[in-house]
Protein backbone atom coordinates (compact mmCIF):
# COMPACT_ATOMS: atom_id res chain seq x y z
CA MET A 1 0.00 0.00 0.00
CA GLN A 2 3.00 2.25 -0.44
CA GLU A 3 1.41 4.58 -3.01
CA LEU A 4 -1.71 4.97 -0.89
CA LYS A 5 0.40 5.81 2.14
CA ARG A 6 2.41 8.35 0.11
CA LEU A 7 -0.73 10.08 -1.09
CA LEU A 8 -2.28 10.18 2.37
CA ALA A 9 0.97 11.70 3.64
CA GLY A 10 0.45 14.60 1.25
CA GLU A 11 2.75 13.57 -1.58
CA GLU A 12 0.65 14.80 -4.48
CA ASP A 13 3.03 13.31 -7.05
CA ALA A 14 1.72 9.89 -6.00
CA ALA A 15 -0.42 8.18 -8.63
CA LEU A 16 -4.17 8.37 -8.01
CA ASP A 17 -4.96 5.20 -9.97
CA LEU A 18 -2.47 3.09 -8.03
CA ALA A 19 -3.35 4.61 -4.65
CA ALA A 20 -7.07 4.08 -5.27
CA ALA A 21 -6.44 0.51 -6.40
CA GLN A 22 -4.47 -0.22 -3.24
CA ILE A 23 -7.49 0.53 -1.04
CA ALA A 24 -8.58 -3.06 -1.66
CA GLN A 25 -5.46 -4.25 0.17
CA ILE A 26 -7.03 -3.02 3.42
CA ILE A 27 -9.38 -6.00 3.16
CA ASP A 28 -7.21 -8.35 1.10
CA ALA A 29 -3.49 -7.91 1.83
CA GLY A 30 -2.58 -10.17 -1.07
CA HIS A 31 -4.51 -8.16 -3.64
CA SER A 32 -2.41 -6.96 -6.57
CA SER A 33 -3.15 -3.57 -8.07
CA ALA A 34 -1.41 -4.33 -11.37
CA TRP A 35 -4.62 -5.58 -12.97
CA VAL A 36 -6.35 -2.25 -12.31
CA LEU A 37 -3.59 -0.25 -14.00
CA ASN A 38 -3.50 -2.63 -16.97
CA ARG A 39 -7.28 -2.52 -17.30
CA LEU A 40 -7.32 1.27 -17.31
CA ASP A 41 -4.55 1.22 -19.93
CA ASP A 42 -6.59 -1.21 -22.03
CA LEU A 43 -9.75 0.88 -21.78
CA ALA A 44 -7.90 4.00 -22.91
CA GLU A 45 -6.16 2.15 -25.75
CA ASN A 46 -9.36 0.46 -26.93
CA PHE A 47 -11.22 3.75 -26.91
CA GLU A 48 -8.46 5.43 -28.92
CA ALA A 49 -8.32 2.56 -31.41
CA GLN A 50 -11.99 2.77 -32.33
CA LEU A 51 -11.97 6.51 -33.02
CA PRO A 52 -11.97 7.67 -36.66
CA SER A 53 -9.23 10.20 -35.85
CA PRO A 54 -6.77 10.60 -32.96
CA SER A 55 -8.41 11.75 -29.76
CA ALA A 56 -5.82 14.53 -29.43
CA GLU A 57 -7.35 16.16 -32.50
CA MET A 58 -10.90 16.13 -31.15
CA SER A 59 -12.65 19.14 -29.67
CA GLY A 60 -13.61 18.97 -26.01
CA PRO A 61 -17.32 18.37 -26.69
CA ASP A 62 -16.54 15.67 -29.25
CA PHE A 63 -14.06 13.95 -26.94
CA VAL A 64 -16.48 13.90 -24.00
CA ALA A 65 -19.35 12.69 -26.21
CA ALA A 66 -17.20 9.89 -27.62
CA LEU A 67 -15.84 8.82 -24.22
CA ASN A 68 -19.33 8.87 -22.73
CA ALA A 69 -20.65 6.73 -25.59
CA TYR A 70 -17.79 4.26 -25.09
CA LEU A 71 -18.04 3.95 -21.30
CA PHE A 72 -21.75 4.27 -20.69
CA ASP A 73 -23.41 3.06 -23.92
CA GLU A 74 -20.96 0.48 -25.24
CA LEU A 75 -19.41 -0.85 -22.01
CA ARG A 76 -22.45 0.02 -19.87
CA PHE A 77 -20.67 1.40 -16.83
CA THR A 78 -23.38 2.50 -14.45
CA GLY A 79 -24.10 3.69 -10.96
CA ASP A 80 -24.90 0.86 -8.56
CA THR A 81 -28.24 2.01 -7.18
CA ALA A 82 -29.30 -1.46 -6.01
CA ASN A 83 -26.40 -1.92 -3.58
CA TYR A 84 -24.98 1.58 -3.31
CA TYR A 85 -23.26 1.05 0.05
CA GLY A 86 -21.77 -2.33 -0.79
CA PRO A 87 -17.98 -2.43 -0.22
CA GLN A 88 -17.41 -3.64 -3.77
CA ASN A 89 -18.26 -0.11 -4.91
CA SER A 90 -15.19 1.23 -3.12
CA PHE A 91 -12.77 -1.29 -4.65
CA LEU A 92 -11.53 -0.15 -8.03
CA HIS A 93 -10.82 -3.64 -9.36
CA GLN A 94 -14.39 -4.72 -8.62
CA VAL A 95 -15.84 -1.56 -10.15
CA LEU A 96 -13.89 -2.27 -13.34
CA GLN A 97 -14.93 -5.93 -13.35
CA ARG A 98 -18.62 -5.29 -12.60
CA ARG A 99 -18.79 -2.02 -14.55
CA ALA A 100 -20.79 -0.58 -11.67
CA GLY A 101 -19.86 1.55 -8.71
CA MET A 102 -20.53 4.59 -6.61
CA PRO A 103 -20.00 8.18 -7.82
CA ILE A 104 -16.41 8.59 -6.64
CA THR A 105 -15.06 5.31 -8.01
CA LEU A 106 -16.76 5.79 -11.38
CA SER A 107 -15.31 9.30 -11.39
CA VAL A 108 -11.80 7.94 -10.77
CA VAL A 109 -12.22 5.55 -13.71
CA TYR A 110 -13.33 8.47 -15.91
CA MET A 111 -10.50 10.72 -14.74
CA GLU A 112 -7.82 8.11 -15.21
CA ILE A 113 -8.88 7.11 -18.71
CA ALA A 114 -9.00 10.77 -19.71
CA ARG A 115 -5.57 11.37 -18.17
CA ARG A 116 -4.10 8.55 -20.21
CA LEU A 117 -5.38 10.33 -23.31
CA GLY A 118 -3.93 13.69 -22.37
CA ARG A 119 -7.19 15.29 -21.24
CA ARG A 120 -7.73 17.22 -18.02
CA VAL A 121 -10.61 15.91 -15.95
CA LEU A 122 -10.89 17.02 -12.32
CA GLY A 123 -12.74 15.49 -9.41
CA ILE A 124 -15.44 17.62 -7.78
CA GLY A 125 -16.42 16.44 -4.30
CA LEU A 126 -19.91 17.75 -3.68
CA PRO A 127 -21.91 17.07 -0.53
CA GLY A 128 -23.65 13.73 -1.05
CA HIS A 129 -22.31 13.22 -4.55
CA PHE A 130 -19.13 13.22 -6.63
CA ILE A 131 -18.79 14.39 -10.22
CA VAL A 132 -15.98 15.42 -12.56
CA GLU A 133 -15.17 18.53 -14.54
CA TYR A 134 -13.69 18.40 -18.01
CA VAL A 135 -11.47 21.42 -18.72
CA ASP A 136 -9.52 22.55 -21.76
CA SER A 137 -8.55 25.94 -23.17
CA GLN A 138 -11.82 26.33 -25.07
CA TRP A 139 -14.48 24.39 -23.21
CA ARG A 140 -15.43 23.01 -19.84
CA THR A 141 -18.34 21.09 -18.42
CA TYR A 142 -19.38 19.06 -15.40
CA ILE A 143 -20.01 15.35 -15.97
CA ASP A 144 -21.87 12.89 -13.74
CA PRO A 145 -20.37 9.39 -14.27
CA PHE A 146 -22.84 7.84 -11.82
CA HIS A 147 -25.72 8.87 -14.09
CA GLY A 148 -24.40 7.75 -17.46
CA GLY A 149 -22.04 10.66 -18.04
CA LYS A 150 -24.79 13.26 -17.96
CA LEU A 151 -23.47 16.75 -18.68
CA LEU A 152 -24.33 19.32 -16.04
CA SER A 153 -24.20 23.07 -15.75
CA ARG A 154 -23.13 24.54 -12.42
CA ARG A 155 -26.79 25.23 -11.59
CA GLU A 156 -27.77 21.67 -12.43
CA ALA A 157 -24.94 20.31 -10.28
CA VAL A 158 -26.14 22.44 -7.37
CA SER A 159 -29.61 20.95 -7.90
CA VAL A 160 -28.09 17.46 -7.68
CA VAL A 161 -26.72 18.39 -4.24
CA LYS A 162 -30.16 19.62 -3.20
CA GLN A 163 -31.78 16.37 -4.33
CA ALA A 164 -29.15 14.21 -2.62
CA THR A 165 -28.88 16.03 0.68
CA GLY A 166 -31.64 18.62 0.97
CA ILE A 167 -28.93 21.28 1.32
CA ASP A 168 -29.26 24.64 -0.41
CA LEU A 169 -25.67 25.68 -0.95
CA THR A 170 -24.85 29.27 -0.10
CA PRO A 171 -22.62 31.14 -2.57
CA ALA A 172 -19.66 30.64 -0.24
CA GLN A 173 -20.34 26.92 0.08
CA GLU A 174 -20.77 26.62 -3.66
CA GLN A 175 -17.42 28.31 -4.22
CA HIS A 176 -15.79 25.89 -1.77
CA PHE A 177 -17.32 22.62 -2.94
CA PHE A 178 -16.74 23.25 -6.63
CA GLN A 179 -13.00 23.58 -6.14
CA PRO A 180 -11.23 20.57 -7.67
CA ALA A 181 -10.54 17.81 -5.17
CA SER A 182 -6.89 16.90 -4.66
CA LYS A 183 -5.80 13.31 -5.17
CA ARG A 184 -5.41 13.07 -1.39
CA ASP A 185 -8.96 14.37 -0.89
CA ILE A 186 -10.26 11.74 -3.29
CA VAL A 187 -8.65 8.73 -1.60
CA LYS A 188 -9.58 10.04 1.84
CA ARG A 189 -13.21 10.26 0.74
CA MET A 190 -13.01 6.74 -0.69
CA LEU A 191 -11.67 5.50 2.63
CA ARG A 192 -14.40 7.31 4.59
CA ASN A 193 -17.00 5.70 2.36
CA LEU A 194 -15.49 2.28 2.99
CA GLN A 195 -15.29 2.91 6.72
CA GLY A 196 -18.94 3.89 6.80
CA MET A 197 -19.88 0.59 5.19
CA PHE A 198 -18.39 -1.39 8.07
CA VAL A 199 -19.56 0.76 10.99
């Protein structure tokens, strides 16, 4: 669990994909994270291979539309609404195998595939929910991987918080919660989710 420990210690150069994969070792000390990294590599490579032109040449909207179609229509990644609090939704290898998970793990999958393709996708840790934000020099949007990659405006994302928690975010709270989550923040939230499942 070395990478996970590094990230929790504040070393932001630690790899998010490896640190997140190592969370499973808390339950299964013999679990290898190599499969997770290879699977994420394969997903990125397979997506790239099926495109009519290199992904680097695509506009932001076209890239997001294509990645959403690949992950959520073709591969059928989905939010696990039937067993939302099941521990399998916090283990990245099981999320990749089952193609189902909770908002934060599906977001990590989305972020890490995009990163492998040179795109900037940030985690946004909202109260009661987790989404991502695609950002490039010409376009940005919020994306909800738990709900099939639905594109959201800021107002729509605030409404998601209201639906999930009943909280009306103040302008100050909105400014705070829409700041990109650090890699350390992401794994800490994953660990809190897992802890809550066993308490």
